[in-house]
Amino acid sequence: MPREEIPTQLAQPALPAVPVASPRPRLGGVGIALFSSAVFGLSGSFAKSLLEAGWSPAAAVTLRMAGAALVLLIPTLLVMRGKWPLVASNWKSILLFGLFGVGACQFCYFLAVERLDVGVALLLEYLAPVLIVLFLWVRHRKTPKAMTIGGALLALAGLVAVLDLTGETRVDPIGVLWGLGAAVGLTVYFFVSARADGALPPIVLATGGLLVGSMAMGLLGLVGVLDMQVRFVPVKLADWETQWWVALGGLILFSTVIAYVTGIMAARALGSKLASFISLTEVLFAVLWAWLLLGELPAGVQLLGGMLIVGGVLLVRADELRS
């Protein structure tokens, strides 16, 4: 799921800008960003194995966030000794990050994965950069440059191909709506990550967001708004059967703890724009993992659509970097 980006103003007091990366970012930062994308891309495969075993999306998301927050809690407390004022000055960013950038984004994505192939769901989620362009266009009344407009149109054409409306395989329209909801959550994630105080350690932003997201989801489950159903039965990954806790543990440790912390580290090391540019490789990693672990591979026209979406987003990013 999804980590970085695009400086803009939120409805909150001005926060220090994210440090700008040097023109020649270190190779180590690029490696961290690629590693983060690879482990983020595993989330759909781990989640789908649980969903197919009878878990509800809300339960999977809540336990994912709560488990990751618990794993990160002790190192976070050690890091924050003497730095608690940073939390007070960034509480709005942490709250938005947890409710929308983590909680809502993951929940919508898991609901999309329940009805769609992992690769298709993630491609829909990664329309977020196009939504960002549209938001900035409306808010600031500034017409984007030709390369940005071309990238947005290319991505929308890719979306049509991903849906494969004329093919034999029918795409669930409800799943598409959930995928677009995940894109909205990812958009919020990008804005908040870019506005967070650079002095706030990455592990603290990740832990705070995961705590807020898990508590919000848990509260909605307690009052009956969300269905919290778990089944402690074996699950299937690739061609082998394993225990449910293997999939949940992988989802927590790899696709949440390691993924979020390294994603924020990459944004700090490279700058939000370049890190988000590299994070687009998550789409390709997710398709690869879904093929290896679930035996899923989108149809040819859907793969073409995915290439168009990624190409369109790359054009938008190139325009931003050039500016």
Protein backbone atom coordinates (compact mmCIF):
# COMPACT_ATOMS: atom_id res chain seq x y z
CA MET A 1 0.00 0.00 0.00
CA PRO A 2 1.09 1.68 -0.19
CA ARG A 3 4.50 6.95 1.01
CA GLU A 4 5.96 10.33 0.23
CA GLU A 5 5.20 13.48 -1.68
CA ILE A 6 4.08 16.55 -3.56
CA PRO A 7 4.39 19.67 -1.42
CA THR A 8 1.12 21.51 -0.99
CA GLN A 9 -0.76 23.18 1.83
CA LEU A 10 -3.14 21.35 4.09
CA ALA A 11 -5.66 22.96 6.38
CA GLN A 12 -3.17 23.20 9.23
CA PRO A 13 -0.39 25.50 10.42
CA ALA A 14 2.56 25.74 8.10
CA LEU A 15 5.05 22.98 8.76
CA PRO A 16 8.71 22.89 7.79
CA ALA A 17 9.25 21.65 4.28
CA VAL A 18 10.65 18.20 3.64
CA PRO A 19 14.40 18.48 3.13
CA VAL A 20 15.35 18.70 -0.52
CA ALA A 21 17.59 15.90 -1.72
CA SER A 22 20.86 16.61 -3.41
CA PRO A 23 20.91 16.60 -7.25
CA ARG A 24 22.82 13.31 -7.17
CA PRO A 25 21.04 11.14 -4.63
CA ARG A 26 23.09 8.35 -3.13
CA LEU A 27 22.65 4.88 -4.54
CA GLY A 28 21.76 3.67 -1.05
CA GLY A 29 18.64 5.85 -1.00
CA VAL A 30 17.51 4.46 -4.35
CA GLY A 31 18.06 0.92 -3.05
CA ILE A 32 15.95 1.64 0.05
CA ALA A 33 13.15 3.01 -2.12
CA LEU A 34 13.17 -0.05 -4.40
CA PHE A 35 13.26 -2.38 -1.39
CA SER A 36 10.30 -0.55 0.14
CA SER A 37 8.30 -0.93 -3.07
CA ALA A 38 9.11 -4.64 -3.21
CA VAL A 39 7.87 -5.36 0.32
CA PHE A 40 4.84 -3.07 -0.08
CA GLY A 41 3.96 -5.06 -3.19
CA LEU A 42 3.68 -8.22 -1.09
CA SER A 43 0.68 -6.89 0.85
CA GLY A 44 -1.93 -7.79 -1.75
CA SER A 45 -0.80 -11.40 -1.98
CA PHE A 46 -0.67 -11.90 1.80
CA ALA A 47 -4.03 -10.17 2.22
CA LYS A 48 -5.78 -12.12 -0.50
CA SER A 49 -4.74 -15.45 1.04
CA LEU A 50 -6.44 -14.38 4.29
CA LEU A 51 -9.53 -13.01 2.53
CA GLU A 52 -9.99 -16.22 0.56
CA ALA A 53 -9.79 -18.16 3.87
CA GLY A 54 -12.78 -16.22 5.21
CA TRP A 55 -11.23 -13.16 6.86
CA SER A 56 -13.13 -9.89 6.46
CA PRO A 57 -11.15 -6.99 4.95
CA ALA A 58 -11.74 -4.86 8.05
CA ALA A 59 -10.33 -7.54 10.36
CA ALA A 60 -7.26 -8.07 8.17
CA VAL A 61 -6.54 -4.34 7.96
CA THR A 62 -7.07 -3.76 11.70
CA LEU A 63 -4.82 -6.63 12.80
CA ARG A 64 -2.22 -5.62 10.23
CA MET A 65 -2.03 -2.08 11.61
CA ALA A 66 -2.31 -3.05 15.28
CA GLY A 67 0.33 -5.77 14.99
CA ALA A 68 2.73 -3.45 13.20
CA ALA A 69 2.17 -0.69 15.77
CA LEU A 70 2.97 -3.11 18.60
CA VAL A 71 6.16 -4.26 16.86
CA LEU A 72 7.28 -0.65 16.42
CA LEU A 73 6.16 0.64 19.80
CA ILE A 74 9.27 -0.15 21.89
CA PRO A 75 11.84 1.17 19.36
CA THR A 76 9.64 4.24 18.90
CA LEU A 77 9.62 4.96 22.65
CA LEU A 78 13.41 4.64 22.72
CA VAL A 79 13.81 6.99 19.75
CA MET A 80 11.43 9.58 21.22
CA ARG A 81 13.24 10.09 24.54
CA GLY A 82 13.47 13.85 24.94
CA LYS A 83 11.73 14.50 21.60
CA TRP A 84 8.06 14.38 22.58
CA PRO A 85 7.45 18.04 21.56
CA LEU A 86 7.88 16.84 17.95
CA VAL A 87 4.77 14.70 18.33
CA ALA A 88 2.80 17.65 19.69
CA SER A 89 3.84 19.84 16.77
CA ASN A 90 2.98 17.13 14.20
CA TRP A 91 -0.24 15.72 15.71
CA LYS A 92 -2.40 16.84 12.77
CA SER A 93 -0.10 15.15 10.27
CA ILE A 94 -0.05 11.95 12.35
CA LEU A 95 -3.86 11.98 12.65
CA LEU A 96 -4.44 12.49 8.91
CA PHE A 97 -1.73 9.96 8.09
CA GLY A 98 -3.39 7.33 10.29
CA LEU A 99 -7.05 7.90 9.39
CA PHE A 100 -6.73 8.36 5.65
CA GLY A 101 -3.20 7.63 4.41
CA VAL A 102 -3.02 4.33 6.31
CA GLY A 103 -6.47 3.22 7.55
CA ALA A 104 -8.84 4.25 4.75
CA CYS A 105 -6.28 3.53 2.03
CA GLN A 106 -5.58 -0.02 3.24
CA PHE A 107 -9.24 -0.78 3.94
CA CYS A 108 -10.36 0.29 0.46
CA TYR A 109 -7.46 -1.58 -1.13
CA PHE A 110 -8.29 -4.81 0.71
CA LEU A 111 -11.94 -4.51 -0.34
CA ALA A 112 -10.76 -4.03 -3.93
CA VAL A 113 -8.44 -7.07 -3.67
CA GLU A 114 -11.42 -9.12 -2.44
CA ARG A 115 -13.16 -8.52 -5.80
CA LEU A 116 -10.27 -7.90 -8.24
CA ASP A 117 -6.87 -9.33 -9.09
CA VAL A 118 -4.11 -7.85 -6.96
CA GLY A 119 -2.40 -6.19 -9.93
CA VAL A 120 -5.61 -4.57 -11.18
CA ALA A 121 -6.50 -3.28 -7.69
CA LEU A 122 -3.06 -1.76 -7.24
CA LEU A 123 -3.11 -0.13 -10.67
CA LEU A 124 -6.36 1.58 -9.73
CA GLU A 125 -4.83 2.74 -6.44
CA TYR A 126 -1.89 4.24 -8.29
CA LEU A 127 -4.12 6.67 -10.11
CA ALA A 128 -3.44 8.81 -7.03
CA PRO A 129 -0.87 11.02 -8.81
CA VAL A 130 -3.52 11.92 -11.42
CA LEU A 131 -5.92 12.85 -8.62
CA ILE A 132 -3.18 15.01 -7.11
CA VAL A 133 -2.76 16.88 -10.41
CA LEU A 134 -6.51 17.47 -10.63
CA PHE A 135 -6.68 18.63 -7.00
CA LEU A 136 -3.86 21.13 -7.43
CA TRP A 137 -5.42 22.34 -10.68
CA VAL A 138 -8.77 23.05 -9.01
CA ARG A 139 -7.34 24.45 -5.79
CA HIS A 140 -4.70 26.78 -7.23
CA ARG A 141 -6.43 27.64 -10.53
CA LYS A 142 -3.17 26.95 -12.33
CA THR A 143 -3.37 24.99 -15.56
CA PRO A 144 -0.87 22.09 -15.62
CA LYS A 145 1.81 21.98 -18.28
CA ALA A 146 1.36 19.98 -21.47
CA MET A 147 3.47 17.04 -20.24
CA THR A 148 1.37 16.76 -17.06
CA ILE A 149 -1.91 16.88 -18.99
CA GLY A 150 -0.59 14.29 -21.44
CA GLY A 151 0.47 12.03 -18.58
CA ALA A 152 -2.96 12.28 -16.94
CA LEU A 153 -4.74 11.44 -20.19
CA LEU A 154 -2.37 8.52 -20.79
CA ALA A 155 -3.08 7.18 -17.31
CA LEU A 156 -6.86 7.49 -17.84
CA ALA A 157 -6.52 5.58 -21.12
CA GLY A 158 -4.63 2.93 -19.20
CA LEU A 159 -7.46 2.73 -16.69
CA VAL A 160 -9.93 1.97 -19.49
CA ALA A 161 -7.62 -0.82 -20.70
CA VAL A 162 -7.21 -2.22 -17.18
CA LEU A 163 -10.99 -2.44 -16.83
CA ASP A 164 -11.08 -4.44 -20.10
CA LEU A 165 -14.77 -3.63 -20.58
CA THR A 166 -15.01 -5.51 -23.88
CA GLY A 167 -13.09 -8.61 -22.79
CA GLU A 168 -14.37 -11.95 -21.57
CA THR A 169 -13.25 -11.31 -17.98
CA ARG A 170 -15.68 -8.95 -16.29
CA VAL A 171 -14.25 -6.53 -13.78
CA ASP A 172 -16.39 -6.08 -10.68
CA PRO A 173 -17.59 -2.42 -10.69
CA ILE A 174 -17.79 -2.37 -6.89
CA GLY A 175 -14.18 -3.52 -6.75
CA VAL A 176 -13.25 -0.69 -9.12
CA LEU A 177 -14.92 1.85 -6.82
CA TRP A 178 -13.00 0.49 -3.83
CA GLY A 179 -9.79 0.69 -5.86
CA LEU A 180 -10.48 4.34 -6.62
CA GLY A 181 -11.21 4.89 -2.92
CA ALA A 182 -7.75 3.52 -2.18
CA ALA A 183 -6.37 6.03 -4.69
CA VAL A 184 -8.01 8.85 -2.71
CA GLY A 185 -6.47 7.52 0.51
CA LEU A 186 -3.07 7.28 -1.17
CA THR A 187 -3.45 10.88 -2.33
CA VAL A 188 -3.86 11.99 1.29
CA TYR A 189 -0.86 9.82 2.21
CA PHE A 190 1.30 11.67 -0.34
CA PHE A 191 0.27 15.12 0.83
CA VAL A 192 0.75 14.37 4.53
CA SER A 193 4.12 12.65 4.02
CA ALA A 194 5.39 15.71 2.19
CA ARG A 195 4.24 18.12 4.89
CA ALA A 196 5.46 16.23 7.98
CA ASP A 197 8.31 17.84 9.88
CA GLY A 198 11.56 16.32 8.64
CA ALA A 199 12.82 16.24 12.24
CA LEU A 200 10.13 13.71 13.16
CA PRO A 201 11.82 10.27 12.92
CA PRO A 202 10.31 8.03 10.21
CA ILE A 203 9.58 5.27 12.72
CA VAL A 204 7.54 7.71 14.83
CA LEU A 205 5.37 8.88 11.92
CA ALA A 206 4.79 5.25 10.91
CA THR A 207 3.96 4.10 14.45
CA GLY A 208 1.68 7.05 15.16
CA GLY A 209 -0.22 6.58 11.92
CA LEU A 210 -0.62 2.84 12.47
CA LEU A 211 -1.87 3.36 16.03
CA VAL A 212 -4.42 5.95 14.94
CA GLY A 213 -5.59 3.81 12.02
CA SER A 214 -5.93 0.61 14.05
CA MET A 215 -7.80 2.34 16.89
CA ALA A 216 -10.23 3.98 14.46
CA MET A 217 -10.91 0.67 12.68
CA GLY A 218 -11.22 -1.19 15.97
CA LEU A 219 -13.73 1.34 17.29
CA LEU A 220 -15.86 1.03 14.14
CA GLY A 221 -15.74 -2.74 14.58
CA LEU A 222 -16.84 -2.55 18.23
CA VAL A 223 -19.91 -0.47 17.38
CA GLY A 224 -20.85 -2.84 14.57
CA VAL A 225 -20.14 -0.55 11.63
CA LEU A 226 -17.44 -2.87 10.27
CA ASP A 227 -17.51 -6.65 10.00
CA MET A 228 -14.63 -8.10 12.03
CA GLN A 229 -14.46 -11.74 11.02
CA VAL A 230 -11.37 -13.92 11.37
CA ARG A 231 -10.88 -17.62 10.69
CA PHE A 232 -7.90 -19.41 12.18
CA VAL A 233 -7.63 -21.94 9.37
CA PRO A 234 -4.83 -22.81 6.92
CA VAL A 235 -4.37 -20.48 3.95
CA LYS A 236 -2.88 -20.99 0.49
CA LEU A 237 0.17 -19.17 -0.81
CA ALA A 238 1.37 -20.23 -4.24
CA ASP A 239 0.97 -24.02 -4.45
CA TRP A 240 1.48 -24.74 -0.78
CA GLU A 241 -0.77 -24.59 2.24
CA THR A 242 0.41 -22.84 5.37
CA GLN A 243 -0.96 -21.54 8.66
CA TRP A 244 -2.93 -18.29 8.86
CA TRP A 245 -0.34 -16.70 11.13
CA VAL A 246 2.33 -17.05 8.44
CA ALA A 247 0.33 -14.85 6.06
CA LEU A 248 -0.64 -12.40 8.81
CA GLY A 249 2.95 -12.27 10.10
CA GLY A 250 4.26 -11.57 6.61
CA LEU A 251 1.63 -8.88 6.17
CA ILE A 252 2.62 -7.23 9.46
CA LEU A 253 6.41 -7.56 9.41
CA PHE A 254 7.26 -7.21 5.72
CA SER A 255 4.40 -5.28 4.11
CA THR A 256 3.77 -2.91 7.02
CA VAL A 257 6.62 -2.52 9.53
CA ILE A 258 9.52 -2.71 7.09
CA ALA A 259 7.61 -1.18 4.18
CA TYR A 260 6.39 1.95 5.95
CA VAL A 261 9.62 2.70 7.79
CA THR A 262 11.83 2.23 4.71
CA GLY A 263 9.35 4.17 2.58
CA ILE A 264 9.58 7.20 4.85
CA MET A 265 13.37 6.77 5.03
CA ALA A 266 13.50 6.84 1.23
CA ALA A 267 11.44 10.04 1.12
CA ARG A 268 13.85 11.69 3.58
CA ALA A 269 16.95 10.48 1.72
CA LEU A 270 15.86 11.26 -1.84
CA GLY A 271 13.26 13.97 -1.46
CA SER A 272 9.55 13.35 -1.75
CA LYS A 273 9.28 13.68 -5.52
CA LEU A 274 12.06 11.30 -6.51
CA ALA A 275 11.11 8.77 -3.83
CA SER A 276 7.49 8.74 -5.04
CA PHE A 277 8.73 8.37 -8.61
CA ILE A 278 10.61 5.20 -7.63
CA SER A 279 7.67 3.96 -5.53
CA LEU A 280 5.70 3.42 -8.74
CA THR A 281 7.67 0.19 -9.13
CA GLU A 282 5.36 -1.23 -6.45
CA VAL A 283 2.82 -1.87 -9.21
CA LEU A 284 5.29 -4.10 -11.03
CA PHE A 285 6.42 -5.85 -7.84
CA ALA A 286 2.79 -6.51 -6.83
CA VAL A 287 2.00 -8.13 -10.19
CA LEU A 288 5.16 -10.25 -9.90
CA TRP A 289 4.34 -11.37 -6.33
CA ALA A 290 0.71 -12.12 -7.26
CA TRP A 291 1.95 -14.28 -10.13
CA LEU A 292 4.44 -16.15 -7.92
CA LEU A 293 2.28 -16.51 -4.79
CA LEU A 294 -1.29 -16.59 -6.11
CA GLY A 295 -0.94 -17.66 -9.73
CA GLU A 296 -2.63 -14.43 -10.87
CA LEU A 297 -1.59 -12.64 -14.04
CA PRO A 298 -3.77 -9.93 -15.61
CA ALA A 299 -4.92 -10.32 -19.21
CA GLY A 300 -2.75 -8.90 -21.97
CA VAL A 301 -4.89 -5.79 -22.47
CA GLN A 302 -4.82 -5.19 -18.72
CA LEU A 303 -1.03 -5.43 -18.68
CA LEU A 304 -0.98 -2.90 -21.52
CA GLY A 305 -3.27 -0.67 -19.49
CA GLY A 306 -0.92 -0.98 -16.52
CA MET A 307 1.99 0.12 -18.70
CA LEU A 308 -0.02 3.12 -19.89
CA ILE A 309 -0.90 4.09 -16.31
CA VAL A 310 2.72 3.83 -15.18
CA GLY A 311 3.86 5.71 -18.29
CA GLY A 312 1.35 8.47 -17.67
CA VAL A 313 2.40 8.85 -14.07
CA LEU A 314 6.06 8.93 -15.10
CA LEU A 315 5.29 11.82 -17.46
CA VAL A 316 3.63 13.71 -14.62
CA ARG A 317 6.59 13.05 -12.34
CA ALA A 318 9.11 14.05 -15.02
CA ASP A 319 7.26 17.34 -15.49
CA GLU A 320 7.41 17.99 -11.74
CA LEU A 321 11.12 17.17 -11.51
CA ARG A 322 11.85 19.43 -14.48
CA SER A 323 9.98 22.25 -12.78
